[in-house]
Amino acid sequence: MYRGSEGQWAFYLHRISGIGILVFLVLHVLNIASAMWGPEVSNAFMKFYHQPVFQLGLLILIAGVLYHGFNGLRIILMDFTSWGVRYQKQLWYAAWVLFVVFYLPFLVKIGGGILGGSHGD
């Protein structure tokens, strides 16, 4: 299951997306905590986060959350059903289909804003 095939890619991508979500959560907590140091610091954080690179980061975050969620459902089906392991490859492709279906609207909206010059203002 983990010898260079779909299972190994699922394993690595699940870990990478989990680390990405953790990094976002740390930044989010720091942003909220910045209010303790006054509105100037908090506003500086908000201005920093509205740069175009963070809009791209938002697309990456959404991709990570969606992949992590759908792959997590695949893992649950593999662990708690009698047929999950037998169909793990098909479940991985199904997770990708769901990912694409749910990610495309975000990609169009946010990606179009990045390309069109709108940066969340």
C-alpha atoms as a PDB file:
ATOM      1  CA  MET A   1       0.000   0.000   0.000  1.00  0.00           C
ATOM      2  CA  TYR A   2       2.905   2.438   0.683  1.00  0.00           C
ATOM      3  CA  ARG A   3       5.479   1.513  -1.991  1.00  0.00           C
ATOM      4  CA  GLY A   4       5.469   4.492  -4.357  1.00  0.00           C
ATOM      5  CA  SER A   5       1.802   4.186  -5.195  1.00  0.00           C
ATOM      6  CA  GLU A   6      -1.280   6.179  -4.333  1.00  0.00           C
ATOM      7  CA  GLY A   7      -1.096   5.145  -0.687  1.00  0.00           C
ATOM      8  CA  GLN A   8       2.365   6.634  -0.268  1.00  0.00           C
ATOM      9  CA  TRP A   9       1.365   9.892  -1.963  1.00  0.00           C
ATOM     10  CA  ALA A  10      -1.732  10.048   0.221  1.00  0.00           C
ATOM     11  CA  PHE A  11       0.443   9.550   3.309  1.00  0.00           C
ATOM     12  CA  TYR A  12       2.912  12.316   2.391  1.00  0.00           C
ATOM     13  CA  LEU A  13       0.287  14.804   1.224  1.00  0.00           C
ATOM     14  CA  HIS A  14      -1.774  14.209   4.363  1.00  0.00           C
ATOM     15  CA  ARG A  15       1.233  15.034   6.554  1.00  0.00           C
ATOM     16  CA  ILE A  16       2.222  18.079   4.487  1.00  0.00           C
ATOM     17  CA  SER A  17      -1.328  19.457   4.485  1.00  0.00           C
ATOM     18  CA  GLY A  18      -1.555  18.900   8.244  1.00  0.00           C
ATOM     19  CA  ILE A  19       1.665  20.850   8.819  1.00  0.00           C
ATOM     20  CA  GLY A  20       0.379  23.646   6.583  1.00  0.00           C
ATOM     21  CA  ILE A  21      -2.844  23.856   8.577  1.00  0.00           C
ATOM     22  CA  LEU A  22      -0.823  23.963  11.805  1.00  0.00           C
ATOM     23  CA  VAL A  23       1.304  26.848  10.473  1.00  0.00           C
ATOM     24  CA  PHE A  24      -1.868  28.747   9.574  1.00  0.00           C
ATOM     25  CA  LEU A  25      -3.342  28.177  13.028  1.00  0.00           C
ATOM     26  CA  VAL A  26      -0.180  29.483  14.706  1.00  0.00           C
ATOM     27  CA  LEU A  27      -0.240  32.621  12.522  1.00  0.00           C
ATOM     28  CA  HIS A  28      -3.952  33.038  13.217  1.00  0.00           C
ATOM     29  CA  VAL A  29      -3.469  32.822  16.990  1.00  0.00           C
ATOM     30  CA  LEU A  30      -0.581  35.308  16.797  1.00  0.00           C
ATOM     31  CA  ASN A  31      -2.768  37.664  14.799  1.00  0.00           C
ATOM     32  CA  ILE A  32      -5.551  37.490  17.377  1.00  0.00           C
ATOM     33  CA  ALA A  33      -3.063  37.804  20.248  1.00  0.00           C
ATOM     34  CA  SER A  34      -1.604  40.941  18.657  1.00  0.00           C
ATOM     35  CA  ALA A  35      -4.690  42.813  19.874  1.00  0.00           C
ATOM     36  CA  MET A  36      -3.194  42.609  23.372  1.00  0.00           C
ATOM     37  CA  TRP A  37      -0.447  44.989  22.262  1.00  0.00           C
ATOM     38  CA  GLY A  38      -2.843  47.598  20.952  1.00  0.00           C
ATOM     39  CA  PRO A  39      -4.654  48.444  17.744  1.00  0.00           C
ATOM     40  CA  GLU A  40      -1.483  49.640  15.998  1.00  0.00           C
ATOM     41  CA  VAL A  41       0.129  46.209  16.229  1.00  0.00           C
ATOM     42  CA  SER A  42      -3.091  44.442  15.294  1.00  0.00           C
ATOM     43  CA  ASN A  43      -3.628  46.728  12.298  1.00  0.00           C
ATOM     44  CA  ALA A  44      -0.019  46.192  11.208  1.00  0.00           C
ATOM     45  CA  PHE A  45      -0.613  42.424  11.223  1.00  0.00           C
ATOM     46  CA  MET A  46      -3.802  42.842   9.198  1.00  0.00           C
ATOM     47  CA  LYS A  47      -2.063  45.075   6.653  1.00  0.00           C
ATOM     48  CA  PHE A  48       0.755  42.531   6.404  1.00  0.00           C
ATOM     49  CA  TYR A  49      -1.727  39.695   5.782  1.00  0.00           C
ATOM     50  CA  HIS A  50      -3.450  41.562   2.950  1.00  0.00           C
ATOM     51  CA  GLN A  51      -0.398  41.398   0.689  1.00  0.00           C
ATOM     52  CA  PRO A  52      -0.839  39.435  -2.571  1.00  0.00           C
ATOM     53  CA  VAL A  53       1.419  36.608  -1.412  1.00  0.00           C
ATOM     54  CA  PHE A  54      -1.044  35.867   1.391  1.00  0.00           C
ATOM     55  CA  GLN A  55      -3.898  35.612  -1.123  1.00  0.00           C
ATOM     56  CA  LEU A  56      -1.870  32.895  -2.819  1.00  0.00           C
ATOM     57  CA  GLY A  57      -1.278  31.408   0.636  1.00  0.00           C
ATOM     58  CA  LEU A  58      -5.041  31.404   1.165  1.00  0.00           C
ATOM     59  CA  LEU A  59      -5.471  29.299  -1.966  1.00  0.00           C
ATOM     60  CA  ILE A  60      -2.815  26.900  -0.707  1.00  0.00           C
ATOM     61  CA  LEU A  61      -4.472  26.770   2.728  1.00  0.00           C
ATOM     62  CA  ILE A  62      -7.886  26.008   1.224  1.00  0.00           C
ATOM     63  CA  ALA A  63      -6.309  23.276  -0.901  1.00  0.00           C
ATOM     64  CA  GLY A  64      -4.629  21.816   2.179  1.00  0.00           C
ATOM     65  CA  VAL A  65      -7.802  21.861   4.261  1.00  0.00           C
ATOM     66  CA  LEU A  66      -9.880  20.271   1.505  1.00  0.00           C
ATOM     67  CA  TYR A  67      -7.306  17.581   0.732  1.00  0.00           C
ATOM     68  CA  HIS A  68      -6.723  16.858   4.419  1.00  0.00           C
ATOM     69  CA  GLY A  69     -10.460  16.564   5.045  1.00  0.00           C
ATOM     70  CA  PHE A  70     -11.273  14.336   2.081  1.00  0.00           C
ATOM     71  CA  ASN A  71      -8.221  12.144   2.625  1.00  0.00           C
ATOM     72  CA  GLY A  72      -9.173  11.934   6.303  1.00  0.00           C
ATOM     73  CA  LEU A  73     -12.572  10.581   5.278  1.00  0.00           C
ATOM     74  CA  ARG A  74     -10.765   8.041   3.081  1.00  0.00           C
ATOM     75  CA  ILE A  75      -8.661   6.978   6.066  1.00  0.00           C
ATOM     76  CA  ILE A  76     -11.776   6.625   8.233  1.00  0.00           C
ATOM     77  CA  LEU A  77     -13.393   4.409   5.591  1.00  0.00           C
ATOM     78  CA  MET A  78     -10.239   2.302   5.387  1.00  0.00           C
ATOM     79  CA  ASP A  79     -10.054   1.919   9.166  1.00  0.00           C
ATOM     80  CA  PHE A  80     -13.706   1.350  10.013  1.00  0.00           C
ATOM     81  CA  THR A  81     -15.148  -0.628   7.116  1.00  0.00           C
ATOM     82  CA  SER A  82     -14.501  -4.162   5.964  1.00  0.00           C
ATOM     83  CA  TRP A  83     -14.030  -3.042   2.354  1.00  0.00           C
ATOM     84  CA  GLY A  84     -12.017   0.188   2.738  1.00  0.00           C
ATOM     85  CA  VAL A  85      -8.521  -1.263   2.389  1.00  0.00           C
ATOM     86  CA  ARG A  86      -9.540  -3.302  -0.639  1.00  0.00           C
ATOM     87  CA  TYR A  87     -10.697  -0.116  -2.410  1.00  0.00           C
ATOM     88  CA  GLN A  88      -8.091   2.298  -1.036  1.00  0.00           C
ATOM     89  CA  LYS A  89      -6.866   3.272  -4.516  1.00  0.00           C
ATOM     90  CA  GLN A  90     -10.386   4.045  -5.730  1.00  0.00           C
ATOM     91  CA  LEU A  91     -11.091   5.953  -2.523  1.00  0.00           C
ATOM     92  CA  TRP A  92      -7.966   8.069  -3.097  1.00  0.00           C
ATOM     93  CA  TYR A  93      -9.121   8.978  -6.594  1.00  0.00           C
ATOM     94  CA  ALA A  94     -12.599   9.729  -5.235  1.00  0.00           C
ATOM     95  CA  ALA A  95     -11.024  12.052  -2.661  1.00  0.00           C
ATOM     96  CA  TRP A  96      -9.248  13.868  -5.513  1.00  0.00           C
ATOM     97  CA  VAL A  97     -12.475  14.187  -7.494  1.00  0.00           C
ATOM     98  CA  LEU A  98     -14.190  15.715  -4.456  1.00  0.00           C
ATOM     99  CA  PHE A  99     -11.169  17.970  -3.923  1.00  0.00           C
ATOM    100  CA  VAL A 100     -11.335  19.310  -7.485  1.00  0.00           C
ATOM    101  CA  VAL A 101     -15.107  19.830  -7.368  1.00  0.00           C
ATOM    102  CA  PHE A 102     -14.925  21.773  -4.104  1.00  0.00           C
ATOM    103  CA  TYR A 103     -11.659  23.611  -4.872  1.00  0.00           C
ATOM    104  CA  LEU A 104     -12.541  25.003  -8.301  1.00  0.00           C
ATOM    105  CA  PRO A 105     -14.947  27.698  -7.016  1.00  0.00           C
ATOM    106  CA  PHE A 106     -12.277  28.970  -4.605  1.00  0.00           C
ATOM    107  CA  LEU A 107      -9.655  28.877  -7.328  1.00  0.00           C
ATOM    108  CA  VAL A 108     -11.857  30.856  -9.705  1.00  0.00           C
ATOM    109  CA  LYS A 109     -12.904  33.450  -7.115  1.00  0.00           C
ATOM    110  CA  ILE A 110      -9.618  34.004  -5.272  1.00  0.00           C
ATOM    111  CA  GLY A 111      -7.321  33.178  -8.194  1.00  0.00           C
ATOM    112  CA  GLY A 112      -9.287  35.532 -10.414  1.00  0.00           C
ATOM    113  CA  GLY A 113      -8.925  38.239  -7.779  1.00  0.00           C
ATOM    114  CA  ILE A 114      -5.169  37.722  -7.642  1.00  0.00           C
ATOM    115  CA  LEU A 115      -4.818  37.841 -11.421  1.00  0.00           C
ATOM    116  CA  GLY A 116      -7.237  40.755 -11.676  1.00  0.00           C
ATOM    117  CA  GLY A 117      -5.334  42.786  -9.098  1.00  0.00           C
ATOM    118  CA  SER A 118      -7.901  42.594  -6.287  1.00  0.00           C
ATOM    119  CA  HIS A 119      -6.109  41.540  -3.112  1.00  0.00           C
ATOM    120  CA  GLY A 120      -8.976  41.219  -0.664  1.00  0.00           C
ATOM    121  CA  ASP A 121      -9.469  44.955  -0.255  1.00  0.00           C
END
